[in-house]
Amino acid sequence: MEKIVQTAGRDSLGKFAPDFARFNDDVLFGENWNNHDIDHKTRCIITVVALMSSGVTDSSLKYHLENAKRAGVTKKEIAAIVTHTAFYVGWPKGWAVFNMAKEVWAEEADLSDAKSAHAAEMIFPIGAPNDAFAQYFIGQSYLAPVSTEQVGIFNVTFEPKCRNNWHIHHGDKGGGQILICVAGRGYYQEWGKEAVEMCPGDCINIPVGVKHWHGAAPDSWFSHLAVEVPAENGSNEWLEPVDDSQYGVLK
């Protein structure tokens, strides 16, 4: 899993309480959340239970519920977790957490059915939640390695409205990326140009140094193979999210 980086402390309290900000960003998240003695999903569940037990039901709980969902906690699992915890810490706390959890997992049932239908359209697996890169996506994405030798090839799946941030592939002597749509409908867009619709069979060649994003259409799941073109000193530079004003014009 990619290292978790947090800046909320410095962003909100950097000038007012710099020590607290440093403890929050560098120790709590920088060290503790990056400790691998327990897996990330379990750590997310423990955090939700701890906040519920303490009666914390503000935006911090919602953040950690969303974090738990991104880590793969399902609606069925969170319902069982909250119910079990409520017996020990209080029924009213259970009600409070369920009211928030219902919002976070509101679309899971419908998405699950659509996800299964999408998976049936292609020969490649959808894979696991793309947790390592979740901070660079709006919405839920999934990742399934197809080849990790010679040339990296990954099947990337986006739920409806999901897209990655603007980003740039760098590299010397080669590099860039090739996208091949294998199911659903999505978009690819380069900075300063109109978005290009992608349907099964469409192929996009992305040179190094080009700022771009790709993701699902608003009403469709979308999967593409991402072929990593070998390069000397290859790297990926993640930039700002694709905001609603940019994405909202697509259909």
C-alpha atoms as a PDB file:
ATOM      1  CA  MET A   1       0.000   0.000   0.000  1.00  0.00           C
ATOM      2  CA  GLU A   2       1.216   3.490  -0.867  1.00  0.00           C
ATOM      3  CA  LYS A   3       2.335   5.587   2.103  1.00  0.00           C
ATOM      4  CA  ILE A   4      -0.442   7.651   3.684  1.00  0.00           C
ATOM      5  CA  VAL A   5       0.331  11.372   3.666  1.00  0.00           C
ATOM      6  CA  GLN A   6      -1.773  13.801   5.724  1.00  0.00           C
ATOM      7  CA  THR A   7      -1.691  17.609   5.699  1.00  0.00           C
ATOM      8  CA  ALA A   8      -4.997  18.445   7.409  1.00  0.00           C
ATOM      9  CA  GLY A   9      -3.278  19.427  10.652  1.00  0.00           C
ATOM     10  CA  ARG A  10      -0.976  21.954   9.037  1.00  0.00           C
ATOM     11  CA  ASP A  11      -3.713  23.183   6.707  1.00  0.00           C
ATOM     12  CA  SER A  12      -6.097  23.946   9.597  1.00  0.00           C
ATOM     13  CA  LEU A  13      -3.864  24.560  12.611  1.00  0.00           C
ATOM     14  CA  GLY A  14      -0.364  25.072  11.267  1.00  0.00           C
ATOM     15  CA  LYS A  15      -0.109  28.632  12.538  1.00  0.00           C
ATOM     16  CA  PHE A  16      -2.378  28.392  15.586  1.00  0.00           C
ATOM     17  CA  ALA A  17      -1.107  25.092  17.035  1.00  0.00           C
ATOM     18  CA  PRO A  18       1.956  23.937  15.087  1.00  0.00           C
ATOM     19  CA  ASP A  19       2.864  21.163  17.560  1.00  0.00           C
ATOM     20  CA  PHE A  20      -0.627  19.659  17.398  1.00  0.00           C
ATOM     21  CA  ALA A  21      -0.549  19.930  13.611  1.00  0.00           C
ATOM     22  CA  ARG A  22       2.799  18.131  13.494  1.00  0.00           C
ATOM     23  CA  PHE A  23       1.621  15.360  15.832  1.00  0.00           C
ATOM     24  CA  ASN A  24      -1.516  14.890  13.714  1.00  0.00           C
ATOM     25  CA  ASP A  25       0.192  14.836  10.314  1.00  0.00           C
ATOM     26  CA  ASP A  26       3.581  13.300  11.088  1.00  0.00           C
ATOM     27  CA  VAL A  27       2.932  10.998  14.052  1.00  0.00           C
ATOM     28  CA  LEU A  28      -0.724   9.927  14.004  1.00  0.00           C
ATOM     29  CA  PHE A  29      -0.964   9.573  10.228  1.00  0.00           C
ATOM     30  CA  GLY A  30       2.669   9.660   9.134  1.00  0.00           C
ATOM     31  CA  GLU A  31       3.806   6.926  11.530  1.00  0.00           C
ATOM     32  CA  ASN A  32       0.860   5.172  13.148  1.00  0.00           C
ATOM     33  CA  TRP A  33      -1.390   4.867  10.067  1.00  0.00           C
ATOM     34  CA  ASN A  34       1.591   3.687   8.028  1.00  0.00           C
ATOM     35  CA  ASN A  35       2.449   0.924  10.491  1.00  0.00           C
ATOM     36  CA  HIS A  36       1.796  -2.466   8.858  1.00  0.00           C
ATOM     37  CA  ASP A  37       1.499  -4.635  11.970  1.00  0.00           C
ATOM     38  CA  ILE A  38      -2.253  -4.646  11.272  1.00  0.00           C
ATOM     39  CA  ASP A  39      -3.767  -4.283   7.820  1.00  0.00           C
ATOM     40  CA  HIS A  40      -5.318  -1.026   6.640  1.00  0.00           C
ATOM     41  CA  LYS A  41      -8.915  -2.301   6.570  1.00  0.00           C
ATOM     42  CA  THR A  42      -8.680  -3.514  10.173  1.00  0.00           C
ATOM     43  CA  ARG A  43      -7.190  -0.188  11.260  1.00  0.00           C
ATOM     44  CA  CYS A  44     -10.117   1.630   9.627  1.00  0.00           C
ATOM     45  CA  ILE A  45     -12.638  -0.574  11.471  1.00  0.00           C
ATOM     46  CA  ILE A  46     -10.873  -0.053  14.813  1.00  0.00           C
ATOM     47  CA  THR A  47     -10.936   3.718  14.298  1.00  0.00           C
ATOM     48  CA  VAL A  48     -14.674   3.751  13.547  1.00  0.00           C
ATOM     49  CA  VAL A  49     -15.380   1.640  16.648  1.00  0.00           C
ATOM     50  CA  ALA A  50     -13.185   3.898  18.817  1.00  0.00           C
ATOM     51  CA  LEU A  51     -14.913   7.068  17.633  1.00  0.00           C
ATOM     52  CA  MET A  52     -18.343   5.495  18.084  1.00  0.00           C
ATOM     53  CA  SER A  53     -17.421   4.335  21.594  1.00  0.00           C
ATOM     54  CA  SER A  54     -16.339   7.882  22.467  1.00  0.00           C
ATOM     55  CA  GLY A  55     -19.575   9.353  21.146  1.00  0.00           C
ATOM     56  CA  VAL A  56     -17.829  11.226  18.335  1.00  0.00           C
ATOM     57  CA  THR A  57     -20.349  11.617  15.513  1.00  0.00           C
ATOM     58  CA  ASP A  58     -19.086  14.729  13.722  1.00  0.00           C
ATOM     59  CA  SER A  59     -17.272  15.140  10.404  1.00  0.00           C
ATOM     60  CA  SER A  60     -14.279  13.152  11.665  1.00  0.00           C
ATOM     61  CA  LEU A  61     -16.447  10.036  11.991  1.00  0.00           C
ATOM     62  CA  LYS A  62     -17.835  10.545   8.487  1.00  0.00           C
ATOM     63  CA  TYR A  63     -14.274  10.848   7.166  1.00  0.00           C
ATOM     64  CA  HIS A  64     -13.310   7.543   8.792  1.00  0.00           C
ATOM     65  CA  LEU A  65     -16.514   5.834   7.611  1.00  0.00           C
ATOM     66  CA  GLU A  66     -15.650   6.914   4.067  1.00  0.00           C
ATOM     67  CA  ASN A  67     -12.088   5.745   4.653  1.00  0.00           C
ATOM     68  CA  ALA A  68     -13.411   2.361   5.793  1.00  0.00           C
ATOM     69  CA  LYS A  69     -15.566   2.068   2.682  1.00  0.00           C
ATOM     70  CA  ARG A  70     -12.560   2.851   0.466  1.00  0.00           C
ATOM     71  CA  ALA A  71     -10.643   0.141   2.349  1.00  0.00           C
ATOM     72  CA  GLY A  72     -13.237  -2.418   1.299  1.00  0.00           C
ATOM     73  CA  VAL A  73     -15.670  -2.470   4.246  1.00  0.00           C
ATOM     74  CA  THR A  74     -19.069  -3.389   2.777  1.00  0.00           C
ATOM     75  CA  LYS A  75     -22.526  -2.231   3.824  1.00  0.00           C
ATOM     76  CA  LYS A  76     -23.174  -5.657   5.371  1.00  0.00           C
ATOM     77  CA  GLU A  77     -19.916  -5.509   7.326  1.00  0.00           C
ATOM     78  CA  ILE A  78     -20.408  -1.962   8.666  1.00  0.00           C
ATOM     79  CA  ALA A  79     -23.956  -2.851   9.751  1.00  0.00           C
ATOM     80  CA  ALA A  80     -22.629  -5.837  11.718  1.00  0.00           C
ATOM     81  CA  ILE A  81     -19.764  -3.789  13.194  1.00  0.00           C
ATOM     82  CA  VAL A  82     -22.023  -0.978  14.416  1.00  0.00           C
ATOM     83  CA  THR A  83     -24.671  -3.379  15.745  1.00  0.00           C
ATOM     84  CA  HIS A  84     -22.120  -5.400  17.706  1.00  0.00           C
ATOM     85  CA  THR A  85     -20.464  -2.283  19.128  1.00  0.00           C
ATOM     86  CA  ALA A  86     -23.823  -0.758  20.116  1.00  0.00           C
ATOM     87  CA  PHE A  87     -24.444  -3.627  22.568  1.00  0.00           C
ATOM     88  CA  TYR A  88     -21.330  -2.605  24.478  1.00  0.00           C
ATOM     89  CA  VAL A  89     -21.213   1.182  24.169  1.00  0.00           C
ATOM     90  CA  GLY A  90     -24.874   2.178  23.929  1.00  0.00           C
ATOM     91  CA  TRP A  91     -27.849   1.894  21.590  1.00  0.00           C
ATOM     92  CA  PRO A  92     -28.166   5.677  20.968  1.00  0.00           C
ATOM     93  CA  LYS A  93     -24.574   5.720  19.701  1.00  0.00           C
ATOM     94  CA  GLY A  94     -25.498   2.956  17.285  1.00  0.00           C
ATOM     95  CA  TRP A  95     -28.404   5.013  15.944  1.00  0.00           C
ATOM     96  CA  ALA A  96     -26.163   8.044  15.507  1.00  0.00           C
ATOM     97  CA  VAL A  97     -23.534   6.105  13.566  1.00  0.00           C
ATOM     98  CA  PHE A  98     -26.120   4.316  11.413  1.00  0.00           C
ATOM     99  CA  ASN A  99     -27.627   7.651  10.359  1.00  0.00           C
ATOM    100  CA  MET A 100     -24.226   8.663   9.016  1.00  0.00           C
ATOM    101  CA  ALA A 101     -23.263   5.242   7.626  1.00  0.00           C
ATOM    102  CA  LYS A 102     -26.500   5.100   5.606  1.00  0.00           C
ATOM    103  CA  GLU A 103     -25.322   8.155   3.663  1.00  0.00           C
ATOM    104  CA  VAL A 104     -21.827   6.777   3.062  1.00  0.00           C
ATOM    105  CA  TRP A 105     -23.049   3.377   1.827  1.00  0.00           C
ATOM    106  CA  ALA A 106     -26.292   4.667   0.260  1.00  0.00           C
ATOM    107  CA  GLU A 107     -25.579   3.564  -3.321  1.00  0.00           C
ATOM    108  CA  GLU A 108     -23.699   0.339  -2.630  1.00  0.00           C
ATOM    109  CA  ALA A 109     -26.583  -2.042  -3.366  1.00  0.00           C
ATOM    110  CA  ASP A 110     -27.354  -0.510  -6.750  1.00  0.00           C
ATOM    111  CA  LEU A 111     -23.677  -0.184  -7.582  1.00  0.00           C
ATOM    112  CA  SER A 112     -23.076  -3.807  -6.643  1.00  0.00           C
ATOM    113  CA  ASP A 113     -25.652  -5.038  -9.172  1.00  0.00           C
ATOM    114  CA  ALA A 114     -24.281  -2.729 -11.866  1.00  0.00           C
ATOM    115  CA  LYS A 115     -20.742  -3.778 -11.020  1.00  0.00           C
ATOM    116  CA  SER A 116     -21.599  -7.442 -11.523  1.00  0.00           C
ATOM    117  CA  ALA A 117     -23.221  -6.679 -14.869  1.00  0.00           C
ATOM    118  CA  HIS A 118     -20.151  -4.691 -15.925  1.00  0.00           C
ATOM    119  CA  ALA A 119     -17.810  -7.507 -14.891  1.00  0.00           C
ATOM    120  CA  ALA A 120     -19.780  -9.927 -17.083  1.00  0.00           C
ATOM    121  CA  GLU A 121     -19.021  -7.756 -20.143  1.00  0.00           C
ATOM    122  CA  MET A 122     -15.262  -8.355 -20.105  1.00  0.00           C
ATOM    123  CA  ILE A 123     -12.749 -11.168 -19.821  1.00  0.00           C
ATOM    124  CA  PHE A 124     -10.490  -9.329 -17.372  1.00  0.00           C
ATOM    125  CA  PRO A 125     -11.240  -9.258 -13.620  1.00  0.00           C
ATOM    126  CA  ILE A 126     -12.278  -6.032 -11.911  1.00  0.00           C
ATOM    127  CA  GLY A 127      -9.838  -6.691  -9.105  1.00  0.00           C
ATOM    128  CA  ALA A 128      -9.538  -5.157  -5.664  1.00  0.00           C
ATOM    129  CA  PRO A 129     -10.332  -1.599  -4.518  1.00  0.00           C
ATOM    130  CA  ASN A 130      -7.524   0.670  -5.684  1.00  0.00           C
ATOM    131  CA  ASP A 131      -6.671   1.795  -2.138  1.00  0.00           C
ATOM    132  CA  ALA A 132      -3.046   2.649  -2.817  1.00  0.00           C
ATOM    133  CA  PHE A 133      -4.071   5.439  -5.187  1.00  0.00           C
ATOM    134  CA  ALA A 134      -7.454   6.377  -3.669  1.00  0.00           C
ATOM    135  CA  GLN A 135      -6.204   9.862  -2.791  1.00  0.00           C
ATOM    136  CA  TYR A 136      -5.762  10.570  -6.505  1.00  0.00           C
ATOM    137  CA  PHE A 137      -9.299   9.556  -7.510  1.00  0.00           C
ATOM    138  CA  ILE A 138     -12.785  10.986  -7.094  1.00  0.00           C
ATOM    139  CA  GLY A 139     -15.035   7.971  -6.547  1.00  0.00           C
ATOM    140  CA  GLN A 140     -14.182   4.299  -6.274  1.00  0.00           C
ATOM    141  CA  SER A 141     -11.753   2.602  -8.627  1.00  0.00           C
ATOM    142  CA  TYR A 142     -10.477  -0.976  -8.812  1.00  0.00           C
ATOM    143  CA  LEU A 143      -7.186  -2.463  -9.974  1.00  0.00           C
ATOM    144  CA  ALA A 144      -6.371  -5.886 -11.419  1.00  0.00           C
ATOM    145  CA  PRO A 145      -2.796  -6.674 -12.531  1.00  0.00           C
ATOM    146  CA  VAL A 146      -2.709  -8.428 -15.906  1.00  0.00           C
ATOM    147  CA  SER A 147       1.088  -8.454 -16.340  1.00  0.00           C
ATOM    148  CA  THR A 148       3.852  -7.231 -14.039  1.00  0.00           C
ATOM    149  CA  GLU A 149       6.760  -8.590 -16.106  1.00  0.00           C
ATOM    150  CA  GLN A 150       8.418  -6.978 -19.144  1.00  0.00           C
ATOM    151  CA  VAL A 151       5.637  -4.402 -19.523  1.00  0.00           C
ATOM    152  CA  GLY A 152       3.190  -3.482 -16.758  1.00  0.00           C
ATOM    153  CA  ILE A 153      -0.438  -3.991 -17.809  1.00  0.00           C
ATOM    154  CA  PHE A 154      -3.296  -3.327 -15.406  1.00  0.00           C
ATOM    155  CA  ASN A 155      -7.061  -3.451 -15.781  1.00  0.00           C
ATOM    156  CA  VAL A 156      -8.420  -0.292 -14.147  1.00  0.00           C
ATOM    157  CA  THR A 157     -12.151  -0.090 -13.426  1.00  0.00           C
ATOM    158  CA  PHE A 158     -14.065   3.072 -12.498  1.00  0.00           C
ATOM    159  CA  GLU A 159     -17.548   3.253 -11.019  1.00  0.00           C
ATOM    160  CA  PRO A 160     -19.874   5.851 -12.640  1.00  0.00           C
ATOM    161  CA  LYS A 161     -18.575   9.440 -12.172  1.00  0.00           C
ATOM    162  CA  CYS A 162     -15.198   8.157 -10.930  1.00  0.00           C
ATOM    163  CA  ARG A 163     -12.132   9.763 -12.453  1.00  0.00           C
ATOM    164  CA  ASN A 164      -8.492  10.207 -11.586  1.00  0.00           C
ATOM    165  CA  ASN A 165      -6.781  13.546 -10.995  1.00  0.00           C
ATOM    166  CA  TRP A 166      -4.977  15.443 -13.683  1.00  0.00           C
ATOM    167  CA  HIS A 167      -1.529  13.883 -13.963  1.00  0.00           C
ATOM    168  CA  ILE A 168       1.604  13.737 -16.116  1.00  0.00           C
ATOM    169  CA  HIS A 169       3.795  10.784 -17.042  1.00  0.00           C
ATOM    170  CA  HIS A 170       7.493  11.626 -17.077  1.00  0.00           C
ATOM    171  CA  GLY A 171      10.406   9.649 -18.462  1.00  0.00           C
ATOM    172  CA  ASP A 172      13.592   9.671 -20.510  1.00  0.00           C
ATOM    173  CA  LYS A 173      13.944   7.548 -23.651  1.00  0.00           C
ATOM    174  CA  GLY A 174      10.448   6.137 -23.848  1.00  0.00           C
ATOM    175  CA  GLY A 175       7.653   6.365 -21.347  1.00  0.00           C
ATOM    176  CA  GLY A 176       4.036   7.395 -21.412  1.00  0.00           C
ATOM    177  CA  GLN A 177       0.997   5.156 -21.265  1.00  0.00           C
ATOM    178  CA  ILE A 178      -1.455   3.347 -23.539  1.00  0.00           C
ATOM    179  CA  LEU A 179      -5.141   3.011 -22.620  1.00  0.00           C
ATOM    180  CA  ILE A 180      -7.376   0.351 -24.219  1.00  0.00           C
ATOM    181  CA  CYS A 181     -11.063   0.393 -23.278  1.00  0.00           C
ATOM    182  CA  VAL A 182     -12.343  -3.120 -22.558  1.00  0.00           C
ATOM    183  CA  ALA A 183     -15.825  -2.428 -21.162  1.00  0.00           C
ATOM    184  CA  GLY A 184     -18.255   0.368 -20.411  1.00  0.00           C
ATOM    185  CA  ARG A 185     -17.924   3.998 -21.418  1.00  0.00           C
ATOM    186  CA  GLY A 186     -15.524   6.668 -20.246  1.00  0.00           C
ATOM    187  CA  TYR A 187     -13.479   9.701 -21.186  1.00  0.00           C
ATOM    188  CA  TYR A 188      -9.897  10.767 -21.744  1.00  0.00           C
ATOM    189  CA  GLN A 189      -8.930  14.436 -21.782  1.00  0.00           C
ATOM    190  CA  GLU A 190      -5.703  16.342 -22.346  1.00  0.00           C
ATOM    191  CA  TRP A 191      -5.193  19.769 -20.832  1.00  0.00           C
ATOM    192  CA  GLY A 192      -6.567  22.459 -23.152  1.00  0.00           C
ATOM    193  CA  LYS A 193      -8.429  19.993 -25.395  1.00  0.00           C
ATOM    194  CA  GLU A 194     -11.938  18.550 -25.541  1.00  0.00           C
ATOM    195  CA  ALA A 195     -12.605  15.262 -23.748  1.00  0.00           C
ATOM    196  CA  VAL A 196     -12.535  12.145 -25.953  1.00  0.00           C
ATOM    197  CA  GLU A 197     -15.165   9.459 -25.372  1.00  0.00           C
ATOM    198  CA  MET A 198     -13.829   5.925 -24.958  1.00  0.00           C
ATOM    199  CA  CYS A 199     -15.821   2.784 -25.769  1.00  0.00           C
ATOM    200  CA  PRO A 200     -14.714  -0.880 -25.983  1.00  0.00           C
ATOM    201  CA  GLY A 201     -11.884  -1.250 -28.490  1.00  0.00           C
ATOM    202  CA  ASP A 202     -10.800   2.402 -28.390  1.00  0.00           C
ATOM    203  CA  CYS A 203      -7.099   3.003 -27.821  1.00  0.00           C
ATOM    204  CA  ILE A 204      -5.394   6.159 -26.541  1.00  0.00           C
ATOM    205  CA  ASN A 205      -1.639   6.779 -26.729  1.00  0.00           C
ATOM    206  CA  ILE A 206      -0.425   9.192 -24.050  1.00  0.00           C
ATOM    207  CA  PRO A 207       3.032  10.725 -24.603  1.00  0.00           C
ATOM    208  CA  VAL A 208       5.295  11.795 -21.761  1.00  0.00           C
ATOM    209  CA  GLY A 209       4.822  15.344 -20.517  1.00  0.00           C
ATOM    210  CA  VAL A 210       1.110  15.586 -21.390  1.00  0.00           C
ATOM    211  CA  LYS A 211      -1.247  16.689 -18.608  1.00  0.00           C
ATOM    212  CA  HIS A 212      -4.406  14.552 -18.737  1.00  0.00           C
ATOM    213  CA  TRP A 213      -7.055  12.567 -16.850  1.00  0.00           C
ATOM    214  CA  HIS A 214      -9.312   9.596 -17.597  1.00  0.00           C
ATOM    215  CA  GLY A 215     -12.346   8.063 -15.965  1.00  0.00           C
ATOM    216  CA  ALA A 216     -15.924   6.850 -16.267  1.00  0.00           C
ATOM    217  CA  ALA A 217     -18.868   8.577 -17.865  1.00  0.00           C
ATOM    218  CA  PRO A 218     -21.479   9.889 -15.395  1.00  0.00           C
ATOM    219  CA  ASP A 219     -23.885   7.021 -16.124  1.00  0.00           C
ATOM    220  CA  SER A 220     -21.586   4.105 -16.866  1.00  0.00           C
ATOM    221  CA  TRP A 221     -18.980   1.825 -15.369  1.00  0.00           C
ATOM    222  CA  PHE A 222     -15.729   1.928 -17.309  1.00  0.00           C
ATOM    223  CA  SER A 223     -12.692  -0.343 -17.587  1.00  0.00           C
ATOM    224  CA  HIS A 224      -9.493   0.121 -19.527  1.00  0.00           C
ATOM    225  CA  LEU A 225      -6.181  -1.645 -19.744  1.00  0.00           C
ATOM    226  CA  ALA A 226      -3.365   0.680 -18.722  1.00  0.00           C
ATOM    227  CA  VAL A 227      -0.126  -0.271 -20.456  1.00  0.00           C
ATOM    228  CA  GLU A 228       2.943   1.305 -18.872  1.00  0.00           C
ATOM    229  CA  VAL A 229       5.446   2.124 -21.607  1.00  0.00           C
ATOM    230  CA  PRO A 230       8.989   1.407 -20.297  1.00  0.00           C
ATOM    231  CA  ALA A 231      11.180   4.463 -19.764  1.00  0.00           C
ATOM    232  CA  GLU A 232      14.402   5.490 -18.154  1.00  0.00           C
ATOM    233  CA  ASN A 233      13.725   7.515 -15.002  1.00  0.00           C
ATOM    234  CA  GLY A 234       9.994   7.015 -15.394  1.00  0.00           C
ATOM    235  CA  SER A 235       7.670   8.675 -12.871  1.00  0.00           C
ATOM    236  CA  ASN A 236       4.102   9.862 -12.449  1.00  0.00           C
ATOM    237  CA  GLU A 237       3.223  13.381 -11.255  1.00  0.00           C
ATOM    238  CA  TRP A 238      -0.234  13.661  -9.667  1.00  0.00           C
ATOM    239  CA  LEU A 239      -1.901  17.067  -9.850  1.00  0.00           C
ATOM    240  CA  GLU A 240      -5.247  18.679  -8.960  1.00  0.00           C
ATOM    241  CA  PRO A 241      -8.602  16.842  -9.109  1.00  0.00           C
ATOM    242  CA  VAL A 242     -10.929  17.192 -12.099  1.00  0.00           C
ATOM    243  CA  ASP A 243     -13.550  19.427 -10.496  1.00  0.00           C
ATOM    244  CA  ASP A 244     -17.295  19.272 -11.098  1.00  0.00           C
ATOM    245  CA  SER A 245     -17.276  22.266 -13.455  1.00  0.00           C
ATOM    246  CA  GLN A 246     -14.860  20.440 -15.758  1.00  0.00           C
ATOM    247  CA  TYR A 247     -16.474  17.037 -15.448  1.00  0.00           C
ATOM    248  CA  GLY A 248     -20.108  18.195 -15.300  1.00  0.00           C
ATOM    249  CA  VAL A 249     -20.272  19.099 -18.999  1.00  0.00           C
ATOM    250  CA  LEU A 250     -19.782  15.452 -20.001  1.00  0.00           C
ATOM    251  CA  LYS A 251     -22.663  13.095 -20.666  1.00  0.00           C
END
